[in-house]
């Protein structure tokens, strides 16, 4: 085998794989640019050593029987820069593998039917891989990222199915022996059918997770609405009581004035004003949804003897949808409240700061913390079964608006910081 032939065969496998690795990095997230470069270098070095050696030893025809496995092992270089757990990284990579497999199957069949040369196949692979990469970045990256963030608990069931699909598709052309050579169209159809069914399943999984998340936001919105209705009922009851008692207050005040007790009348009025203010609804800012959420968690905090402080300086419209801002604040404060409840004898507190500065929404929540948290990829790991849903929801919302989020622990304090650019509004 000449060096030219070997280069052609290697490029046939490398071109889709390189675009796939690039999509993993720039579509689904990476730890750092230096790690991305390291991941690419590891993959290229792997290709120059392992596949090239196997092609020389086994021959190209035999190598194609195990090429998918060899290439998938090489693609695991993404673990160097992946921001996901090992299981989720493999799961997402298997989804990408299904798409690139479909592309390779179709182009190989076109080459066979039209009798194209391998150099022409490389040109087609380069063109269509680039198109597929662009489509994936534009239309698939956010749904895949959203789905991965919302998968609850262990990813093992999804991983097992993905591996079964991968194994099945790669067994079809080689078992029985010479199966693809004897039945090329049947094998191609079966491989495409299985991969397509898997991608339909992934789409349905994403759709169901999105629907569940949407319904959860609806439930939160209903809870906020019900809480606000209850607050208004209390407010109206107090107003009716105040109106009912107003003539008694007027009679007492008039009597004090007629007797010349000016100071007593002033003190009585001041006391009445304080009582009246206590019965009114508290207003933190001009945004009604933020007011509702903060009133809810201030009341809950007071019920559990937790100090609650909120400084909010934002307009009525900050560019986020009401369910999104409600879910974002609700999850942040719910996590803070749950942590504070653990140790009520140590003066727990929640402090929230929210303001709009230089066209950026700045949000910070600090709360007392009585345990040492474990962080994975900058995200606190929950020790509850199926825990961390709220944190994943927060992260997903922030990423939707191309914002930044950080979680940290400073001794006995937990800090969540969010920056969301509002310049497109």
Protein backbone atom coordinates (compact mmCIF):
# COMPACT_ATOMS: atom_id res chain seq x y z
CA UNK A 1 0.00 0.00 0.00
CA UNK A 2 1.42 3.38 -1.02
CA UNK A 3 1.64 6.34 1.34
CA UNK A 4 -0.88 8.17 -0.87
CA UNK A 5 -3.44 5.35 -0.52
CA UNK A 6 -2.92 5.23 3.24
CA UNK A 7 -3.45 9.01 3.49
CA UNK A 8 -6.67 8.74 1.45
CA UNK A 9 -8.04 5.98 3.68
CA UNK A 10 -7.11 7.84 6.87
CA UNK A 11 -8.70 11.08 5.66
CA UNK A 12 -11.91 9.20 4.84
CA UNK A 13 -12.32 8.47 8.57
CA UNK A 14 -10.68 11.61 9.92
CA UNK A 15 -12.76 14.27 8.15
CA UNK A 16 -16.16 13.41 9.76
CA UNK A 17 -14.45 12.69 13.09
CA UNK A 18 -12.68 16.07 13.20
CA UNK A 19 -15.94 17.91 12.52
CA UNK A 20 -17.63 15.79 15.21
CA UNK A 21 -14.96 16.68 17.78
CA UNK A 22 -15.24 20.35 16.80
CA UNK A 23 -19.01 20.21 17.33
CA UNK A 24 -18.52 18.65 20.76
CA UNK A 25 -16.16 21.50 21.70
CA UNK A 26 -17.83 24.56 20.19
CA UNK A 27 -21.44 23.34 20.24
CA UNK A 28 -21.72 21.60 23.60
CA UNK A 29 -19.06 23.34 25.69
CA UNK A 30 -15.41 22.92 26.68
CA UNK A 31 -13.29 23.54 29.77
CA UNK A 32 -10.60 25.67 28.14
CA UNK A 33 -9.15 26.41 24.72
CA UNK A 34 -5.84 24.79 25.66
CA UNK A 35 -7.67 21.56 26.49
CA UNK A 36 -9.49 21.68 23.16
CA UNK A 37 -6.16 21.96 21.35
CA UNK A 38 -4.80 19.08 23.46
CA UNK A 39 -7.86 16.97 22.59
CA UNK A 40 -7.37 17.53 18.85
CA UNK A 41 -3.64 16.75 19.10
CA UNK A 42 -4.34 13.50 20.95
CA UNK A 43 -6.86 12.47 18.29
CA UNK A 44 -4.51 13.25 15.39
CA UNK A 45 -1.64 11.41 17.07
CA UNK A 46 -3.97 8.45 17.67
CA UNK A 47 -4.97 8.41 13.99
CA UNK A 48 -1.36 8.47 12.83
CA UNK A 49 -0.47 5.51 15.02
CA UNK A 50 -3.44 3.17 15.55
CA UNK A 51 -5.61 3.20 12.37
CA UNK A 52 -2.63 3.60 10.05
CA UNK A 53 -0.89 0.61 11.67
CA UNK A 54 -4.03 -1.52 11.54
CA UNK A 55 -4.68 -0.68 7.88
CA UNK A 56 -1.13 -1.75 7.00
CA UNK A 57 -1.42 -4.96 9.02
CA UNK A 58 -5.02 -5.99 8.29
CA UNK A 59 -5.59 -4.39 4.92
CA UNK A 60 -8.18 -1.71 4.24
CA UNK A 61 -11.05 -4.17 3.61
CA UNK A 62 -10.67 -5.95 6.95
CA UNK A 63 -10.06 -2.67 8.77
CA UNK A 64 -13.45 -1.31 7.67
CA UNK A 65 -15.09 -4.10 9.73
CA UNK A 66 -13.74 -2.61 12.96
CA UNK A 67 -13.26 0.99 11.82
CA UNK A 68 -16.29 2.36 13.72
CA UNK A 69 -15.01 0.97 17.01
CA UNK A 70 -11.46 2.20 16.35
CA UNK A 71 -12.72 5.68 15.42
CA UNK A 72 -15.03 5.89 18.42
CA UNK A 73 -12.15 5.04 20.76
CA UNK A 74 -10.15 7.82 19.12
CA UNK A 75 -13.01 10.30 19.55
CA UNK A 76 -12.80 9.77 23.32
CA UNK A 77 -10.08 12.41 23.23
CA UNK A 78 -13.02 14.77 23.87
CA UNK A 79 -12.90 13.63 27.51
CA UNK A 80 -9.90 15.93 27.85
CA UNK A 81 -12.08 19.04 27.43
CA UNK A 82 -15.67 17.83 27.98
CA UNK A 83 -17.68 19.71 30.59
CA UNK A 84 -20.01 16.75 31.18
CA UNK A 85 -19.64 13.62 33.27
CA UNK A 86 -18.12 10.54 31.65
CA UNK A 87 -21.53 8.92 31.04
CA UNK A 88 -23.11 12.01 29.50
CA UNK A 89 -20.04 12.63 27.34
CA UNK A 90 -20.24 9.10 25.89
CA UNK A 91 -24.02 9.40 25.43
CA UNK A 92 -23.72 12.67 23.50
CA UNK A 93 -20.84 11.33 21.44
CA UNK A 94 -22.88 8.26 20.45
CA UNK A 95 -25.65 10.57 19.24
CA UNK A 96 -23.11 12.45 17.13
CA UNK A 97 -21.74 9.13 15.89
CA UNK A 98 -25.20 8.16 14.63
CA UNK A 99 -25.43 11.33 12.53
CA UNK A 100 -21.93 10.98 11.06
CA UNK A 101 -22.59 7.27 10.39
CA UNK A 102 -25.70 8.13 8.37
CA UNK A 103 -23.68 10.64 6.35
CA UNK A 104 -20.89 8.14 5.69
CA UNK A 105 -23.33 5.36 4.70
CA UNK A 106 -25.15 7.60 2.21
CA UNK A 107 -21.96 8.98 0.63
CA UNK A 108 -20.39 5.52 0.38
CA UNK A 109 -23.50 4.20 -1.35
CA UNK A 110 -23.42 7.17 -3.76
CA UNK A 111 -19.74 6.43 -4.47
CA UNK A 112 -20.55 2.77 -5.15
CA UNK A 113 -23.51 3.50 -7.43
CA UNK A 114 -21.76 6.23 -9.42
CA UNK A 115 -18.36 4.55 -9.41
CA UNK A 116 -16.62 7.59 -7.93
CA UNK A 117 -12.97 7.54 -6.89
CA UNK A 118 -11.84 7.79 -3.28
CA UNK A 119 -10.39 11.32 -3.79
CA UNK A 120 -13.86 12.39 -5.04
CA UNK A 121 -15.39 10.74 -1.96
CA UNK A 122 -13.07 12.83 0.23
CA UNK A 123 -14.26 16.01 -1.46
CA UNK A 124 -17.89 15.02 -0.88
CA UNK A 125 -17.11 14.15 2.75
CA UNK A 126 -15.42 17.50 3.31
CA UNK A 127 -18.30 19.47 1.76
CA UNK A 128 -21.16 17.62 3.45
CA UNK A 129 -19.36 17.32 6.81
CA UNK A 130 -18.93 21.11 6.81
CA UNK A 131 -22.61 21.59 5.96
CA UNK A 132 -23.62 19.10 8.66
CA UNK A 133 -21.37 20.89 11.17
CA UNK A 134 -23.02 24.23 10.39
CA UNK A 135 -26.52 22.73 10.68
CA UNK A 136 -25.59 21.04 13.96
CA UNK A 137 -24.22 24.26 15.50
CA UNK A 138 -27.25 26.24 14.39
CA UNK A 139 -30.08 23.82 15.13
CA UNK A 140 -28.89 20.89 17.25
CA UNK A 141 -26.42 22.26 19.79
CA UNK A 142 -28.92 23.95 22.10
CA UNK A 143 -31.44 21.07 22.09
CA UNK A 144 -28.68 18.54 22.86
CA UNK A 145 -27.24 20.76 25.59
CA UNK A 146 -30.71 21.33 27.01
CA UNK A 147 -31.49 17.60 26.99
CA UNK A 148 -28.20 16.64 28.63
CA UNK A 149 -28.70 19.23 31.38
CA UNK A 150 -32.23 18.03 32.15
CA UNK A 151 -31.59 14.28 32.24
CA UNK A 152 -32.23 13.29 35.84
CA UNK A 153 -30.27 10.74 37.84
CA UNK A 154 -28.15 8.10 36.16
CA UNK A 155 -27.53 8.30 32.42
CA UNK A 156 -26.94 4.52 32.27
CA UNK A 157 -30.33 3.54 30.68
CA UNK A 158 -29.79 6.01 27.83
CA UNK A 159 -26.17 4.91 27.50
CA UNK A 160 -27.09 1.22 27.26
CA UNK A 161 -29.54 1.88 24.42
CA UNK A 162 -27.00 4.02 22.57
CA UNK A 163 -24.35 1.30 22.83
CA UNK A 164 -26.81 -1.38 21.62
CA UNK A 165 -27.62 0.76 18.56
CA UNK A 166 -23.92 1.32 17.91
CA UNK A 167 -23.13 -2.41 18.13
CA UNK A 168 -26.13 -3.45 16.01
CA UNK A 169 -25.33 -1.04 13.18
CA UNK A 170 -21.72 -2.18 13.07
CA UNK A 171 -22.61 -5.89 13.08
CA UNK A 172 -25.00 -5.69 10.13
CA UNK A 173 -22.38 -5.37 7.34
CA UNK A 174 -20.00 -8.03 8.74
CA UNK A 175 -22.29 -10.73 10.14
CA UNK A 176 -22.91 -13.12 8.49
CA UNK A 177 -19.54 -12.99 6.74
CA UNK A 178 -19.56 -10.92 3.55
CA UNK A 179 -23.09 -9.75 4.39
CA UNK A 180 -22.54 -6.28 2.94
CA UNK A 181 -20.80 -7.63 -0.16
CA UNK A 182 -23.71 -9.97 -0.85
CA UNK A 183 -26.55 -7.63 0.17
CA UNK A 184 -25.28 -4.01 -0.06
CA UNK A 185 -28.67 -2.33 -0.47
CA UNK A 186 -30.34 -4.38 2.26
CA UNK A 187 -27.50 -3.69 4.71
CA UNK A 188 -27.52 -0.01 3.86
CA UNK A 189 -31.27 0.19 4.38
CA UNK A 190 -31.09 -1.61 7.74
CA UNK A 191 -28.24 0.54 9.01
CA UNK A 192 -30.01 3.74 7.98
CA UNK A 193 -33.30 2.54 9.47
CA UNK A 194 -31.78 1.69 12.85
CA UNK A 195 -29.80 4.94 13.09
CA UNK A 196 -32.85 6.97 12.01
CA UNK A 197 -35.07 5.27 14.61
CA UNK A 198 -32.48 6.07 17.28
CA UNK A 199 -32.39 9.74 16.27
CA UNK A 200 -36.21 9.85 16.32
CA UNK A 201 -36.07 8.44 19.84
CA UNK A 202 -33.58 11.17 20.82
CA UNK A 203 -35.87 13.82 19.36
CA UNK A 204 -38.85 12.43 21.29
CA UNK A 205 -36.74 12.35 24.46
CA UNK A 206 -35.81 15.99 23.97
CA UNK A 207 -39.41 16.92 23.17
CA UNK A 208 -40.71 15.18 26.32
CA UNK A 209 -38.05 16.77 28.53
CA UNK A 210 -38.87 20.17 27.06
CA UNK A 211 -42.59 19.60 27.65
CA UNK A 212 -41.99 18.52 31.25
CA UNK A 213 -39.82 21.58 31.84
CA UNK A 214 -42.48 23.82 30.27
CA UNK A 215 -45.19 22.30 32.48
CA UNK A 216 -42.97 22.74 35.52
CA UNK A 217 -42.60 26.41 34.68
CA UNK A 218 -46.38 26.57 34.32
CA UNK A 219 -46.80 25.00 37.75
CA UNK A 220 -44.37 27.52 39.19
CA UNK A 221 -46.28 30.34 37.52
CA UNK A 222 -49.55 29.01 38.97
CA UNK A 223 -47.94 28.76 42.40
CA UNK A 224 -46.74 32.35 42.13
CA UNK A 225 -50.18 33.48 41.00
CA UNK A 226 -51.91 31.64 43.84
CA UNK A 227 -49.50 33.07 46.36
CA UNK A 228 -50.09 36.57 45.01
CA UNK A 229 -53.85 36.04 45.15
CA UNK A 230 -53.51 34.99 48.79
CA UNK A 231 -51.44 38.10 49.49
CA UNK A 232 -54.09 40.31 47.91
CA UNK A 233 -56.81 38.58 49.91
CA UNK A 234 -54.92 39.34 53.11
CA UNK A 235 -54.36 42.88 51.89
CA UNK A 236 -58.06 43.37 51.11
CA UNK A 237 -59.13 41.87 54.42
CA UNK A 238 -56.86 44.30 56.23
CA UNK A 239 -58.14 47.16 54.08
CA UNK A 240 -61.78 46.31 54.89
CA UNK A 241 -60.88 46.08 58.57
CA UNK A 242 -59.07 49.41 58.41
CA UNK A 243 -62.06 51.03 56.66
CA UNK A 244 -64.41 49.56 59.22
CA UNK A 245 -62.30 50.93 62.06
CA UNK A 246 -61.56 54.31 60.48
CA UNK A 247 -64.54 56.05 62.15
CA UNK A 248 -63.34 54.86 65.55
CA UNK A 249 -59.87 56.23 64.80
CA UNK A 250 -61.42 59.54 63.67
CA UNK A 251 -63.50 59.75 66.87
CA UNK A 252 -60.46 59.12 69.09
CA UNK A 253 -58.33 61.59 67.13
CA UNK A 254 -61.06 64.28 67.20
CA UNK A 255 -61.48 63.85 70.98
CA UNK A 256 -57.74 64.29 71.58
CA UNK A 257 -57.69 67.41 69.42
CA UNK A 258 -60.73 68.91 71.17
CA UNK A 259 -59.02 68.32 74.51
CA UNK A 260 -55.92 70.08 73.22
CA UNK A 261 -53.70 66.98 73.45
CA UNK A 262 -51.77 67.76 70.26
CA UNK A 263 -48.77 65.55 71.07
CA UNK A 264 -50.98 62.57 71.90
CA UNK A 265 -52.89 63.10 68.65
CA UNK A 266 -49.62 63.15 66.66
CA UNK A 267 -48.37 60.00 68.39
CA UNK A 268 -51.68 58.30 67.70
CA UNK A 269 -51.49 59.26 64.00
CA UNK A 270 -47.89 58.00 63.71
CA UNK A 271 -48.87 54.67 65.25
CA UNK A 272 -51.79 54.40 62.86
CA UNK A 273 -49.54 55.13 59.84
CA UNK A 274 -47.10 52.38 60.91
CA UNK A 275 -49.94 49.88 61.27
CA UNK A 276 -51.33 50.88 57.87
CA UNK A 277 -47.94 50.46 56.17
CA UNK A 278 -47.50 46.99 57.67
CA UNK A 279 -50.71 45.83 56.00
CA UNK A 280 -49.63 46.93 52.49
CA UNK A 281 -47.93 44.69 49.93
CA UNK A 282 -44.16 45.04 49.94
CA UNK A 283 -42.61 46.29 46.70
CA UNK A 284 -38.98 45.41 45.98
CA UNK A 285 -38.81 46.79 42.44
CA UNK A 286 -40.89 47.67 39.36
CA UNK A 287 -40.95 44.10 37.99
CA UNK A 288 -44.13 42.37 39.17
CA UNK A 289 -42.83 38.80 38.78
CA UNK A 290 -39.68 39.55 40.77
CA UNK A 291 -41.85 41.16 43.48
CA UNK A 292 -44.04 38.09 43.70
CA UNK A 293 -41.14 35.65 43.99
CA UNK A 294 -39.33 37.76 46.57
CA UNK A 295 -42.49 38.19 48.68
CA UNK A 296 -43.03 34.43 48.63
CA UNK A 297 -39.52 33.60 49.79
CA UNK A 298 -39.39 36.46 52.29
CA UNK A 299 -42.54 35.04 53.91
CA UNK A 300 -41.15 31.51 53.85
CA UNK A 301 -37.87 32.70 55.34
CA UNK A 302 -39.65 34.59 58.12
CA UNK A 303 -41.72 31.50 58.93
CA UNK A 304 -38.48 29.52 59.40
CA UNK A 305 -36.60 32.30 61.28
CA UNK A 306 -34.20 32.91 58.38
CA UNK A 307 -32.95 36.44 57.77
CA UNK A 308 -33.93 37.60 54.30
CA UNK A 309 -32.49 40.66 52.55
CA UNK A 310 -33.03 41.74 48.94
CA UNK A 311 -31.67 44.73 47.08
CA UNK A 312 -33.24 44.99 43.63
CA UNK A 313 -32.78 47.81 41.14
CA UNK A 314 -34.30 46.76 37.82
CA UNK A 315 -36.98 48.16 35.48
CA UNK A 316 -40.35 46.53 34.84
CA UNK A 317 -39.04 44.84 31.66
CA UNK A 318 -35.59 43.25 31.81
CA UNK A 319 -35.79 41.14 28.63
CA UNK A 320 -36.53 37.80 30.28
CA UNK A 321 -39.89 36.09 30.02
CA UNK A 322 -41.93 35.95 33.24
CA UNK A 323 -41.74 32.13 33.57
CA UNK A 324 -37.97 32.28 33.01
CA UNK A 325 -37.28 34.97 35.60
CA UNK A 326 -39.72 33.27 37.99
CA UNK A 327 -38.02 29.90 37.55
CA UNK A 328 -34.53 31.41 37.78
CA UNK A 329 -35.18 33.30 41.02
CA UNK A 330 -37.40 30.57 42.45
CA UNK A 331 -34.76 27.85 42.00
CA UNK A 332 -31.96 30.03 43.38
CA UNK A 333 -33.94 30.99 46.47
CA UNK A 334 -35.37 27.50 46.95
CA UNK A 335 -31.84 26.04 47.01
CA UNK A 336 -30.75 28.74 49.45
CA UNK A 337 -33.79 28.18 51.70
CA UNK A 338 -33.27 24.41 51.78
CA UNK A 339 -29.68 24.89 52.88
CA UNK A 340 -30.57 27.44 55.55
CA UNK A 341 -33.27 25.22 57.06
CA UNK A 342 -30.62 22.63 58.00
CA UNK A 343 -29.19 24.75 60.81
CA UNK A 344 -31.72 27.23 62.16
CA UNK A 345 -29.80 27.76 65.39
CA UNK A 346 -26.84 29.37 63.62
CA UNK A 347 -28.60 32.54 62.40
CA UNK A 348 -29.06 31.48 58.76
CA UNK A 349 -29.51 34.19 56.14
CA UNK A 350 -30.28 34.78 52.48
CA UNK A 351 -29.01 37.89 50.68
CA UNK A 352 -30.04 38.70 47.13
CA UNK A 353 -28.72 41.48 44.92
CA UNK A 354 -30.18 42.13 41.49
CA UNK A 355 -29.54 45.11 39.25
CA UNK A 356 -29.18 46.17 35.64
CA UNK A 357 -25.78 47.68 34.91
CA UNK A 358 -24.24 48.52 31.52
CA UNK A 359 -26.91 46.49 29.71
CA UNK A 360 -26.20 43.43 31.82
CA UNK A 361 -28.42 41.77 34.37
CA UNK A 362 -26.32 41.12 37.48
CA UNK A 363 -27.77 38.65 39.96
CA UNK A 364 -26.11 37.37 43.12
CA UNK A 365 -27.52 35.18 45.88
CA UNK A 366 -25.56 34.51 49.06
CA UNK A 367 -26.74 32.18 51.80
CA UNK A 368 -25.30 30.61 54.91
CA UNK A 369 -23.90 27.13 54.34
CA UNK A 370 -23.23 24.46 56.94
CA UNK A 371 -21.72 21.67 54.82
CA UNK A 372 -18.74 21.32 52.48
CA UNK A 373 -20.03 21.03 48.94
CA UNK A 374 -18.52 18.96 46.15
CA UNK A 375 -18.30 20.68 42.76
CA UNK A 376 -18.17 18.99 39.34
CA UNK A 377 -17.35 21.22 36.38
CA UNK A 378 -18.14 24.22 38.56
CA UNK A 379 -21.60 22.91 39.49
CA UNK A 380 -22.45 21.84 43.06
CA UNK A 381 -23.24 18.12 43.26
CA UNK A 382 -26.46 17.25 45.07
CA UNK A 383 -26.53 14.23 47.38
CA UNK A 384 -30.30 13.86 47.02
CA UNK A 385 -31.83 11.23 44.72
CA UNK A 386 -32.49 12.93 41.36
CA UNK A 387 -31.18 16.10 42.97
CA UNK A 388 -29.76 19.10 41.17
CA UNK A 389 -32.79 19.67 38.94
CA UNK A 390 -33.10 23.28 40.06
CA UNK A 391 -29.42 23.98 39.41
CA UNK A 392 -29.64 22.42 35.95
CA UNK A 393 -32.70 24.55 35.19
CA UNK A 394 -30.85 27.69 36.32
CA UNK A 395 -27.83 26.81 34.16
CA UNK A 396 -30.01 26.02 31.15
CA UNK A 397 -31.84 29.38 31.37
CA UNK A 398 -28.58 31.33 31.68
CA UNK A 399 -27.02 29.51 28.71
CA UNK A 400 -30.13 30.20 26.62
CA UNK A 401 -29.31 33.91 26.88
CA UNK A 402 -25.53 33.39 26.43
CA UNK A 403 -24.97 34.42 30.01
CA UNK A 404 -22.36 33.40 32.58
CA UNK A 405 -22.95 31.61 35.86
CA UNK A 406 -20.67 30.64 38.72
CA UNK A 407 -21.20 28.75 41.97
CA UNK A 408 -18.69 28.88 44.82
CA UNK A 409 -18.28 28.26 48.53
CA UNK A 410 -16.45 30.69 50.79
CA UNK A 411 -16.14 29.10 54.23
CA UNK A 412 -19.71 29.07 55.61
CA UNK A 413 -21.26 30.94 52.69
CA UNK A 414 -22.54 29.76 49.31
CA UNK A 415 -22.44 32.25 46.44
CA UNK A 416 -24.29 32.06 43.12
CA UNK A 417 -23.47 34.75 40.55
CA UNK A 418 -25.20 35.25 37.21
CA UNK A 419 -24.51 37.73 34.42
CA UNK A 420 -26.92 37.87 31.47
CA UNK A 421 -26.32 40.31 28.58
CA UNK A 422 -29.42 42.28 27.68
CA UNK A 423 -27.95 44.14 24.70
CA UNK A 424 -30.13 42.30 22.15
CA UNK A 425 -33.25 43.68 23.75
